[in-house]
C-alpha atoms as a PDB file:
ATOM      1  CA  ILE A   1      51.985  36.322 147.100  1.00  0.00           C
ATOM      2  CA  ALA A   2      51.548  39.376 149.382  1.00  0.00           C
ATOM      3  CA  ILE A   3      54.103  41.309 147.231  1.00  0.00           C
ATOM      4  CA  GLN A   4      52.330  40.384 143.988  1.00  0.00           C
ATOM      5  CA  ARG A   5      48.899  41.432 145.481  1.00  0.00           C
ATOM      6  CA  ARG A   6      50.530  44.476 147.194  1.00  0.00           C
ATOM      7  CA  GLN A   7      48.953  43.412 150.533  1.00  0.00           C
ATOM      8  CA  GLY A   8      50.056  44.336 154.072  1.00  0.00           C
ATOM      9  CA  LEU A   9      53.185  46.461 154.232  1.00  0.00           C
ATOM     10  CA  TRP A  10      53.672  45.873 150.430  1.00  0.00           C
ATOM     11  CA  SER A  11      50.704  48.245 149.985  1.00  0.00           C
ATOM     12  CA  LEU A  12      52.440  51.151 151.677  1.00  0.00           C
ATOM     13  CA  PRO A  13      53.937  53.899 149.506  1.00  0.00           C
ATOM     14  CA  GLN A  14      57.440  53.385 150.598  1.00  0.00           C
ATOM     15  CA  TYR A  15      57.263  49.806 149.271  1.00  0.00           C
ATOM     16  CA  GLN A  16      56.044  50.775 145.790  1.00  0.00           C
ATOM     17  CA  PRO A  17      58.572  50.470 143.010  1.00  0.00           C
ATOM     18  CA  ILE A  18      60.135  53.791 141.943  1.00  0.00           C
ATOM     19  CA  PRO A  19      61.395  54.298 138.361  1.00  0.00           C
ATOM     20  CA  VAL A  20      65.037  55.230 138.532  1.00  0.00           C
ATOM     21  CA  ALA A  21      64.387  58.176 136.345  1.00  0.00           C
ATOM     22  CA  LYS A  22      62.344  59.761 139.158  1.00  0.00           C
ATOM     23  CA  LEU A  23      65.105  59.424 141.779  1.00  0.00           C
ATOM     24  CA  ASP A  24      66.810  62.791 142.581  1.00  0.00           C
ATOM     25  CA  GLY A  25      69.957  61.365 144.142  1.00  0.00           C
ATOM     26  CA  THR A  26      69.011  62.064 147.783  1.00  0.00           C
ATOM     27  CA  GLU A  27      67.305  58.764 148.430  1.00  0.00           C
ATOM     28  CA  ARG A  28      68.861  56.552 151.020  1.00  0.00           C
ATOM     29  CA  GLY A  29      67.777  53.372 152.781  1.00  0.00           C
ATOM     30  CA  TYR A  30      65.504  50.546 151.569  1.00  0.00           C
ATOM     31  CA  HIS A  31      63.802  51.100 148.188  1.00  0.00           C
ATOM     32  CA  ILE A  32      62.320  49.076 145.390  1.00  0.00           C
ATOM     33  CA  ILE A  33      63.474  50.528 142.085  1.00  0.00           C
ATOM     34  CA  THR A  34      62.846  49.743 138.391  1.00  0.00           C
ATOM     35  CA  GLY A  35      64.909  50.695 135.410  1.00  0.00           C
ATOM     36  CA  GLN A  36      66.412  49.662 132.144  1.00  0.00           C
ATOM     37  CA  VAL A  37      69.813  47.966 132.134  1.00  0.00           C
ATOM     38  CA  ARG A  38      72.377  50.023 130.094  1.00  0.00           C
ATOM     39  CA  ARG A  39      75.305  47.535 130.513  1.00  0.00           C
ATOM     40  CA  VAL A  40      76.781  44.927 132.725  1.00  0.00           C
ATOM     41  CA  LYS A  41      80.435  45.138 133.702  1.00  0.00           C
ATOM     42  CA  GLU A  42      82.734  42.878 135.602  1.00  0.00           C
ATOM     43  CA  SER A  43      85.487  43.731 138.066  1.00  0.00           C
ATOM     44  CA  ARG A  44      87.782  41.532 140.143  1.00  0.00           C
ATOM     45  CA  SER A  45      85.313  41.638 143.071  1.00  0.00           C
ATOM     46  CA  SER A  46      81.845  42.272 141.575  1.00  0.00           C
ATOM     47  CA  ILE A  47      79.335  42.261 138.795  1.00  0.00           C
ATOM     48  CA  TRP A  48      78.115  45.839 138.070  1.00  0.00           C
ATOM     49  CA  ILE A  49      74.620  46.296 136.537  1.00  0.00           C
ATOM     50  CA  GLN A  50      74.445  49.848 135.290  1.00  0.00           C
ATOM     51  CA  LEU A  51      70.914  51.212 134.960  1.00  0.00           C
ATOM     52  CA  GLU A  52      69.677  54.382 133.453  1.00  0.00           C
ATOM     53  CA  ALA A  53      69.828  57.667 135.488  1.00  0.00           C
ATOM     54  CA  ASN A  54      73.200  56.928 137.083  1.00  0.00           C
ATOM     55  CA  VAL A  55      72.051  54.021 139.214  1.00  0.00           C
ATOM     56  CA  THR A  56      74.263  50.900 139.572  1.00  0.00           C
ATOM     57  CA  LEU A  57      73.446  47.484 141.116  1.00  0.00           C
ATOM     58  CA  ARG A  58      76.369  45.511 142.595  1.00  0.00           C
ATOM     59  CA  ILE A  59      76.697  41.735 143.110  1.00  0.00           C
ATOM     60  CA  GLN A  60      79.733  40.647 144.905  1.00  0.00           C
ATOM     61  CA  ARG A  61      81.363  37.626 143.295  1.00  0.00           C
ATOM     62  CA  SER A  62      81.052  35.873 146.751  1.00  0.00           C
ATOM     63  CA  ASP A  63      77.271  36.154 146.193  1.00  0.00           C
ATOM     64  CA  LEU A  64      77.097  34.847 142.646  1.00  0.00           C
ATOM     65  CA  PRO A  65      76.130  31.324 143.709  1.00  0.00           C
ATOM     66  CA  TYR A  66      72.761  32.906 144.787  1.00  0.00           C
ATOM     67  CA  PHE A  67      72.219  34.142 141.254  1.00  0.00           C
ATOM     68  CA  LYS A  68      73.098  30.973 139.377  1.00  0.00           C
ATOM     69  CA  GLU A  69      69.659  30.741 137.868  1.00  0.00           C
ATOM     70  CA  MET A  70      70.041  34.226 136.219  1.00  0.00           C
ATOM     71  CA  ASN A  71      71.906  34.960 133.034  1.00  0.00           C
ATOM     72  CA  LEU A  72      73.364  38.299 134.212  1.00  0.00           C
ATOM     73  CA  ASP A  73      75.523  38.949 131.158  1.00  0.00           C
ATOM     74  CA  LYS A  74      72.325  39.019 129.047  1.00  0.00           C
ATOM     75  CA  LEU A  75      70.618  41.808 131.008  1.00  0.00           C
ATOM     76  CA  ALA A  76      71.545  44.787 128.838  1.00  0.00           C
ATOM     77  CA  GLY A  77      68.288  46.342 127.429  1.00  0.00           C
ATOM     78  CA  GLU A  78      66.064  44.467 129.883  1.00  0.00           C
ATOM     79  CA  THR A  79      63.827  46.336 132.467  1.00  0.00           C
ATOM     80  CA  VAL A  80      64.549  45.135 135.963  1.00  0.00           C
ATOM     81  CA  GLN A  81      63.149  45.600 139.411  1.00  0.00           C
ATOM     82  CA  ALA A  82      65.668  45.655 142.326  1.00  0.00           C
ATOM     83  CA  ARG A  83      65.061  45.859 146.077  1.00  0.00           C
ATOM     84  CA  GLY A  84      67.656  46.766 148.693  1.00  0.00           C
ATOM     85  CA  TRP A  85      69.464  49.595 150.328  1.00  0.00           C
ATOM     86  CA  LEU A  86      70.388  52.646 148.237  1.00  0.00           C
ATOM     87  CA  SER A  87      73.488  54.637 149.078  1.00  0.00           C
ATOM     88  CA  LEU A  88      75.524  57.336 147.242  1.00  0.00           C
ATOM     89  CA  ARG A  89      79.063  56.442 146.242  1.00  0.00           C
ATOM     90  CA  ASN A  90      81.207  58.229 143.645  1.00  0.00           C
ATOM     91  CA  ASN A  91      78.360  60.477 142.661  1.00  0.00           C
ATOM     92  CA  GLU A  92      75.954  57.625 141.760  1.00  0.00           C
ATOM     93  CA  LEU A  93      73.257  55.774 143.596  1.00  0.00           C
ATOM     94  CA  ARG A  94      74.293  52.167 144.276  1.00  0.00           C
ATOM     95  CA  MET A  95      72.384  49.165 145.569  1.00  0.00           C
ATOM     96  CA  GLN A  96      74.056  45.895 146.591  1.00  0.00           C
ATOM     97  CA  LEU A  97      72.131  42.745 145.730  1.00  0.00           C
ATOM     98  CA  ARG A  98      72.766  39.679 147.803  1.00  0.00           C
ATOM     99  CA  HIS A  99      70.247  37.092 146.380  1.00  0.00           C
ATOM    100  CA  GLN A 100      68.294  36.552 143.154  1.00  0.00           C
ATOM    101  CA  VAL A 101      65.042  37.461 144.941  1.00  0.00           C
ATOM    102  CA  ASP A 102      66.427  41.019 145.075  1.00  0.00           C
ATOM    103  CA  LEU A 103      66.400  41.200 141.218  1.00  0.00           C
ATOM    104  CA  GLN A 104      63.484  40.547 138.862  1.00  0.00           C
ATOM    105  CA  ILE A 105      63.624  40.839 135.103  1.00  0.00           C
ATOM    106  CA  SER A 106      60.785  42.469 133.222  1.00  0.00           C
ATOM    107  CA  GLY A 107      58.876  39.275 132.456  1.00  0.00           C
ATOM    108  CA  THR A 108      58.958  38.188 136.019  1.00  0.00           C
ATOM    109  CA  ILE A 109      58.030  41.538 137.787  1.00  0.00           C
ATOM    110  CA  PRO A 110      54.626  41.249 139.428  1.00  0.00           C
ATOM    111  CA  GLY A 111      51.952  43.314 137.632  1.00  0.00           C
ATOM    112  CA  ASN A 112      53.877  43.340 134.342  1.00  0.00           C
END
């Protein structure tokens, strides 16, 4: 409820969602980001959710049981909000997601 009402630490600027189009590539550390899903790809070890603006969300296959209520292969075109640690890898910003609470689809994002 505190997240939805943006109370406590959730009212601080560093905990406000940032559209991925506003990221300049120097961001590191914990962030909440929003963006449109361009495509979803699979590799042997992970599910890769590619957002606009060269940002990719990674879900390791070992963590997929924590996402069983989400239909990840149907995310293309959806706007999502993700929270976690941003890092730069292979010239793109990446965020690893470990649980479904780290990923919200447009209809479930507070304030939307």
